[in-house]
Structure formats: C-alpha cells, structure tokens
Amino acid sequence: MHVALARRIAVTLGLALIVAAAVLMLWPLRANGVRGNALQPHYTSFGWYSYASLPVHPTHADFIRAGITVPQDVVHDRRVLSAGIAAGGAVMLAGAVALRKRRD
C-alpha cells in the first residue's frame, strides 16, 4: 500500500513539474529589449550604460564583461530554468515507473 501511495505522489509531482515548466516557457518575459515568451521571443532595441570602457563595436562578450544583461541572456536563463524543472519532472515520472516495476 505504501508503494502505491509513493508511486501516485511521484506521478502527480512529476506531471505538476512538467506542466510548471511549460507554463514558465509560455509566461511573458519582462525584460528590457525583449517581449514575447521564451519559445518565441521578439527582440527590440535596448538601452544600456556602463562605467567600464567598451570598444566602439562591442561584442556579446564585451557586454557580459561590463555586467550588462542583454535580452538573449534573459531568454537563455528562462529556457535553462524551464528545462531543469522539466528534467526534475521526468526524473519523478521515471521513479514512479521504477516503483511499479519493483512491485513484482
């Protein structure tokens, strides 16, 4: 009986984590220079300032070194967070399957 309860809890948590990851991917981004969600971002121009000296034509690496957050970083961070949550849900579902097979 305890194994069945643990399996139900693992399935419920696993599905909830996968749904949470999907909602997080579709949730609108609130950042300077990007609108839309993490699946379909729409990049716009963004303003920035830095106290560090930058080259005339700064690259993405120059922005990162100066501590400037660019819109691509915001989208990437959201995608990584969603993937981690979905992976946790997949692990929970795999654990539920393992509990079922163990029951023999």
N, C-alpha and C. Protein backbone atom coordinates (compact mmCIF):
# COMPACT_ATOMS: atom_id res chain seq x y z
N MET A 1 0.82 -1.19 0.00
CA MET A 1 0.00 0.00 0.00
C MET A 1 0.87 1.26 0.00
N HIS A 2 1.97 1.26 0.74
CA HIS A 2 2.84 2.43 0.80
C HIS A 2 3.53 2.68 -0.54
N VAL A 3 3.83 1.61 -1.27
CA VAL A 3 4.47 1.75 -2.57
C VAL A 3 3.50 2.39 -3.55
N ALA A 4 2.24 2.01 -3.49
CA ALA A 4 1.23 2.58 -4.38
C ALA A 4 1.05 4.08 -4.10
N LEU A 5 1.07 4.45 -2.84
CA LEU A 5 0.93 5.85 -2.47
C LEU A 5 2.15 6.65 -2.94
N ALA A 6 3.33 6.09 -2.74
CA ALA A 6 4.55 6.77 -3.19
C ALA A 6 4.56 6.93 -4.70
N ARG A 7 4.07 5.92 -5.41
CA ARG A 7 4.01 5.99 -6.88
C ARG A 7 3.04 7.08 -7.31
N ARG A 8 1.88 7.16 -6.69
CA ARG A 8 0.91 8.21 -7.04
C ARG A 8 1.47 9.60 -6.79
N ILE A 9 2.16 9.75 -5.67
CA ILE A 9 2.76 11.04 -5.35
C ILE A 9 3.83 11.40 -6.38
N ALA A 10 4.65 10.42 -6.76
CA ALA A 10 5.71 10.67 -7.75
C ALA A 10 5.11 11.04 -9.10
N VAL A 11 4.05 10.37 -9.52
CA VAL A 11 3.41 10.70 -10.79
C VAL A 11 2.80 12.10 -10.73
N THR A 12 2.12 12.41 -9.64
CA THR A 12 1.49 13.72 -9.50
C THR A 12 2.53 14.84 -9.51
N LEU A 13 3.59 14.67 -8.73
CA LEU A 13 4.64 15.69 -8.70
C LEU A 13 5.36 15.80 -10.03
N GLY A 14 5.61 14.69 -10.67
CA GLY A 14 6.28 14.71 -11.97
C GLY A 14 5.46 15.44 -13.02
N LEU A 15 4.17 15.15 -13.08
CA LEU A 15 3.31 15.85 -14.05
C LEU A 15 3.17 17.33 -13.70
N ALA A 16 3.10 17.64 -12.41
CA ALA A 16 2.99 19.04 -12.00
C ALA A 16 4.26 19.81 -12.38
N LEU A 17 5.42 19.20 -12.24
CA LEU A 17 6.66 19.87 -12.63
C LEU A 17 6.75 20.08 -14.13
N ILE A 18 6.30 19.13 -14.91
CA ILE A 18 6.32 19.28 -16.37
C ILE A 18 5.35 20.37 -16.81
N VAL A 19 4.17 20.42 -16.19
CA VAL A 19 3.22 21.49 -16.52
C VAL A 19 3.78 22.85 -16.09
N ALA A 20 4.44 22.90 -14.94
CA ALA A 20 5.04 24.17 -14.49
C ALA A 20 6.13 24.64 -15.45
N ALA A 21 6.90 23.71 -15.98
CA ALA A 21 7.94 24.08 -16.95
C ALA A 21 7.32 24.63 -18.23
N ALA A 22 6.23 24.02 -18.68
CA ALA A 22 5.55 24.51 -19.89
C ALA A 22 4.96 25.90 -19.66
N VAL A 23 4.36 26.10 -18.50
CA VAL A 23 3.79 27.43 -18.19
C VAL A 23 4.90 28.47 -18.11
N LEU A 24 6.03 28.11 -17.53
CA LEU A 24 7.15 29.04 -17.42
C LEU A 24 7.71 29.42 -18.80
N MET A 25 7.73 28.46 -19.73
CA MET A 25 8.19 28.77 -21.08
C MET A 25 7.23 29.72 -21.80
N LEU A 26 5.95 29.61 -21.50
CA LEU A 26 4.95 30.44 -22.18
C LEU A 26 4.66 31.75 -21.45
N TRP A 27 5.16 31.89 -20.22
CA TRP A 27 4.93 33.11 -19.44
C TRP A 27 5.66 34.27 -20.11
N PRO A 28 5.01 35.43 -20.23
CA PRO A 28 5.67 36.57 -20.90
C PRO A 28 6.94 37.02 -20.18
N LEU A 29 7.94 37.36 -20.97
CA LEU A 29 9.20 37.86 -20.43
C LEU A 29 9.07 39.34 -20.11
N ARG A 30 9.58 39.74 -18.98
CA ARG A 30 9.57 41.15 -18.59
C ARG A 30 11.02 41.62 -18.52
N ALA A 31 11.55 42.01 -19.65
CA ALA A 31 12.94 42.46 -19.68
C ALA A 31 13.10 43.55 -20.73
N ASN A 32 14.11 44.33 -20.55
CA ASN A 32 14.41 45.39 -21.49
C ASN A 32 14.95 44.80 -22.79
N GLY A 33 14.33 45.09 -23.91
CA GLY A 33 14.82 44.63 -25.21
C GLY A 33 14.22 43.33 -25.70
N VAL A 34 13.30 42.76 -24.96
CA VAL A 34 12.68 41.52 -25.41
C VAL A 34 11.22 41.50 -24.97
N ARG A 35 10.38 40.99 -25.84
CA ARG A 35 8.98 40.77 -25.49
C ARG A 35 8.58 39.42 -26.05
N GLY A 36 7.44 38.94 -25.63
CA GLY A 36 7.03 37.60 -26.01
C GLY A 36 7.37 36.63 -24.89
N ASN A 37 7.58 35.38 -25.25
CA ASN A 37 7.91 34.36 -24.25
C ASN A 37 9.22 33.69 -24.64
N ALA A 38 9.60 32.69 -23.87
CA ALA A 38 10.88 32.03 -24.12
C ALA A 38 10.85 31.14 -25.36
N LEU A 39 9.67 30.76 -25.81
CA LEU A 39 9.58 29.96 -27.03
C LEU A 39 9.68 30.82 -28.27
N GLN A 40 9.04 31.98 -28.26
CA GLN A 40 9.06 32.88 -29.41
C GLN A 40 9.37 34.30 -28.95
N PRO A 41 10.63 34.57 -28.64
CA PRO A 41 10.96 35.93 -28.20
C PRO A 41 11.03 36.88 -29.39
N HIS A 42 10.68 38.12 -29.15
CA HIS A 42 10.79 39.17 -30.15
C HIS A 42 11.75 40.21 -29.58
N TYR A 43 12.90 40.32 -30.22
CA TYR A 43 13.92 41.22 -29.73
C TYR A 43 13.71 42.62 -30.29
N THR A 44 13.89 43.61 -29.43
CA THR A 44 13.80 45.01 -29.84
C THR A 44 15.09 45.69 -29.40
N SER A 45 15.24 46.93 -29.79
CA SER A 45 16.44 47.65 -29.36
C SER A 45 16.36 47.90 -27.85
N PHE A 46 17.49 47.97 -27.21
CA PHE A 46 17.51 48.18 -25.77
C PHE A 46 18.61 49.17 -25.43
N GLY A 47 18.36 49.94 -24.41
CA GLY A 47 19.34 50.91 -23.96
C GLY A 47 20.21 50.33 -22.87
N TRP A 48 21.42 50.79 -22.77
CA TRP A 48 22.33 50.32 -21.75
C TRP A 48 23.35 51.41 -21.45
N TYR A 49 23.96 51.29 -20.31
CA TYR A 49 25.07 52.17 -19.96
C TYR A 49 26.06 51.38 -19.12
N SER A 50 27.27 51.82 -19.16
CA SER A 50 28.31 51.11 -18.42
C SER A 50 29.37 52.11 -17.98
N TYR A 51 29.89 51.88 -16.80
CA TYR A 51 31.00 52.69 -16.31
C TYR A 51 32.33 52.15 -16.83
N ALA A 52 32.31 50.93 -17.34
CA ALA A 52 33.52 50.34 -17.90
C ALA A 52 33.70 50.82 -19.33
N SER A 53 34.93 50.92 -19.75
CA SER A 53 35.16 51.33 -21.13
C SER A 53 34.89 50.16 -22.07
N LEU A 54 34.20 50.45 -23.16
CA LEU A 54 33.86 49.44 -24.14
C LEU A 54 34.44 49.82 -25.50
N PRO A 55 34.70 48.84 -26.35
CA PRO A 55 35.16 49.16 -27.70
C PRO A 55 34.06 49.88 -28.49
N VAL A 56 34.42 50.40 -29.63
CA VAL A 56 33.46 51.12 -30.46
C VAL A 56 32.33 50.20 -30.89
N HIS A 57 32.66 48.98 -31.27
CA HIS A 57 31.66 47.98 -31.65
C HIS A 57 31.73 46.82 -30.67
N PRO A 58 31.02 46.92 -29.54
CA PRO A 58 31.14 45.87 -28.51
C PRO A 58 30.48 44.57 -28.95
N THR A 59 31.06 43.47 -28.51
CA THR A 59 30.50 42.15 -28.77
C THR A 59 29.70 41.70 -27.55
N HIS A 60 29.07 40.56 -27.68
CA HIS A 60 28.31 39.99 -26.57
C HIS A 60 29.21 39.75 -25.36
N ALA A 61 30.40 39.26 -25.61
CA ALA A 61 31.36 39.01 -24.52
C ALA A 61 31.75 40.32 -23.83
N ASP A 62 31.88 41.40 -24.60
CA ASP A 62 32.19 42.70 -24.00
C ASP A 62 31.07 43.17 -23.08
N PHE A 63 29.83 42.96 -23.50
CA PHE A 63 28.69 43.32 -22.66
C PHE A 63 28.69 42.51 -21.36
N ILE A 64 28.96 41.23 -21.47
CA ILE A 64 28.97 40.38 -20.27
C ILE A 64 30.07 40.82 -19.31
N ARG A 65 31.26 41.11 -19.85
CA ARG A 65 32.37 41.56 -19.01
C ARG A 65 32.04 42.87 -18.30
N ALA A 66 31.25 43.72 -18.96
CA ALA A 66 30.88 45.00 -18.36
C ALA A 66 29.69 44.87 -17.41
N GLY A 67 29.09 43.70 -17.33
CA GLY A 67 27.97 43.48 -16.42
C GLY A 67 26.62 43.92 -16.99
N ILE A 68 26.52 44.02 -18.31
CA ILE A 68 25.28 44.43 -18.95
C ILE A 68 24.50 43.17 -19.33
N THR A 69 23.23 43.12 -18.92
CA THR A 69 22.37 41.99 -19.27
C THR A 69 21.75 42.26 -20.63
N VAL A 70 22.00 41.36 -21.56
CA VAL A 70 21.42 41.50 -22.90
C VAL A 70 20.17 40.63 -22.98
N PRO A 71 19.23 40.96 -23.87
CA PRO A 71 17.98 40.20 -23.95
C PRO A 71 18.18 38.71 -24.21
N GLN A 72 19.19 38.34 -24.98
CA GLN A 72 19.42 36.93 -25.25
C GLN A 72 19.75 36.16 -23.98
N ASP A 73 20.41 36.82 -23.03
CA ASP A 73 20.71 36.17 -21.76
C ASP A 73 19.45 35.90 -20.95
N VAL A 74 18.50 36.82 -21.00
CA VAL A 74 17.25 36.65 -20.26
C VAL A 74 16.48 35.45 -20.82
N VAL A 75 16.41 35.36 -22.15
CA VAL A 75 15.70 34.24 -22.79
C VAL A 75 16.42 32.93 -22.48
N HIS A 76 17.75 32.92 -22.57
CA HIS A 76 18.52 31.71 -22.28
C HIS A 76 18.31 31.25 -20.84
N ASP A 77 18.33 32.19 -19.90
CA ASP A 77 18.13 31.82 -18.49
C ASP A 77 16.75 31.21 -18.27
N ARG A 78 15.73 31.77 -18.91
CA ARG A 78 14.37 31.22 -18.77
C ARG A 78 14.30 29.82 -19.36
N ARG A 79 14.94 29.60 -20.49
CA ARG A 79 14.92 28.27 -21.12
C ARG A 79 15.65 27.24 -20.27
N VAL A 80 16.77 27.63 -19.69
CA VAL A 80 17.54 26.71 -18.84
C VAL A 80 16.74 26.36 -17.58
N LEU A 81 16.10 27.35 -16.98
CA LEU A 81 15.28 27.10 -15.79
C LEU A 81 14.13 26.15 -16.11
N SER A 82 13.46 26.38 -17.24
CA SER A 82 12.34 25.51 -17.63
C SER A 82 12.82 24.09 -17.91
N ALA A 83 13.97 23.97 -18.57
CA ALA A 83 14.49 22.64 -18.86
C ALA A 83 14.85 21.89 -17.57
N GLY A 84 15.39 22.59 -16.60
CA GLY A 84 15.73 21.96 -15.33
C GLY A 84 14.49 21.48 -14.58
N ILE A 85 13.44 22.29 -14.60
CA ILE A 85 12.20 21.89 -13.94
C ILE A 85 11.59 20.69 -14.65
N ALA A 86 11.59 20.71 -16.00
CA ALA A 86 11.04 19.58 -16.76
C ALA A 86 11.86 18.32 -16.52
N ALA A 87 13.18 18.45 -16.41
CA ALA A 87 14.02 17.28 -16.13
C ALA A 87 13.70 16.70 -14.75
N GLY A 88 13.45 17.58 -13.78
CA GLY A 88 13.03 17.09 -12.46
C GLY A 88 11.72 16.32 -12.54
N GLY A 89 10.79 16.81 -13.34
CA GLY A 89 9.52 16.09 -13.53
C GLY A 89 9.73 14.75 -14.21
N ALA A 90 10.63 14.71 -15.19
CA ALA A 90 10.91 13.44 -15.86
C ALA A 90 11.55 12.43 -14.90
N VAL A 91 12.39 12.91 -14.01
CA VAL A 91 13.01 12.03 -13.01
C VAL A 91 11.94 11.47 -12.07
N MET A 92 11.00 12.33 -11.69
CA MET A 92 9.91 11.86 -10.82
C MET A 92 9.07 10.79 -11.52
N LEU A 93 8.77 11.00 -12.80
CA LEU A 93 7.99 10.01 -13.54
C LEU A 93 8.77 8.71 -13.71
N ALA A 94 10.07 8.81 -13.96
CA ALA A 94 10.91 7.61 -14.06
C ALA A 94 10.94 6.87 -12.73
N GLY A 95 10.97 7.61 -11.63
CA GLY A 95 10.92 6.97 -10.32
C GLY A 95 9.61 6.25 -10.09
N ALA A 96 8.52 6.82 -10.59
CA ALA A 96 7.21 6.16 -10.45
C ALA A 96 7.20 4.86 -11.25
N VAL A 97 7.79 4.87 -12.43
CA VAL A 97 7.86 3.65 -13.25
C VAL A 97 8.73 2.61 -12.54
N ALA A 98 9.82 3.05 -11.95
CA ALA A 98 10.71 2.12 -11.24
C ALA A 98 10.00 1.52 -10.03
N LEU A 99 9.17 2.31 -9.34
CA LEU A 99 8.42 1.77 -8.20
C LEU A 99 7.40 0.74 -8.67
N ARG A 100 6.83 0.94 -9.83
CA ARG A 100 5.85 -0.01 -10.34
C ARG A 100 6.52 -1.32 -10.71
N LYS A 101 7.68 -1.26 -11.35
CA LYS A 101 8.37 -2.49 -11.76
C LYS A 101 8.93 -3.25 -10.56
N ARG A 102 9.27 -2.52 -9.50
CA ARG A 102 9.82 -3.13 -8.31
C ARG A 102 8.78 -3.97 -7.58
N ARG A 103 7.54 -3.66 -7.80
CA ARG A 103 6.44 -4.27 -7.03
C ARG A 103 6.28 -5.77 -7.27
N ASP A 104 6.75 -6.28 -8.38
CA ASP A 104 6.63 -7.69 -8.77
C ASP A 104 5.96 -8.46 -7.71
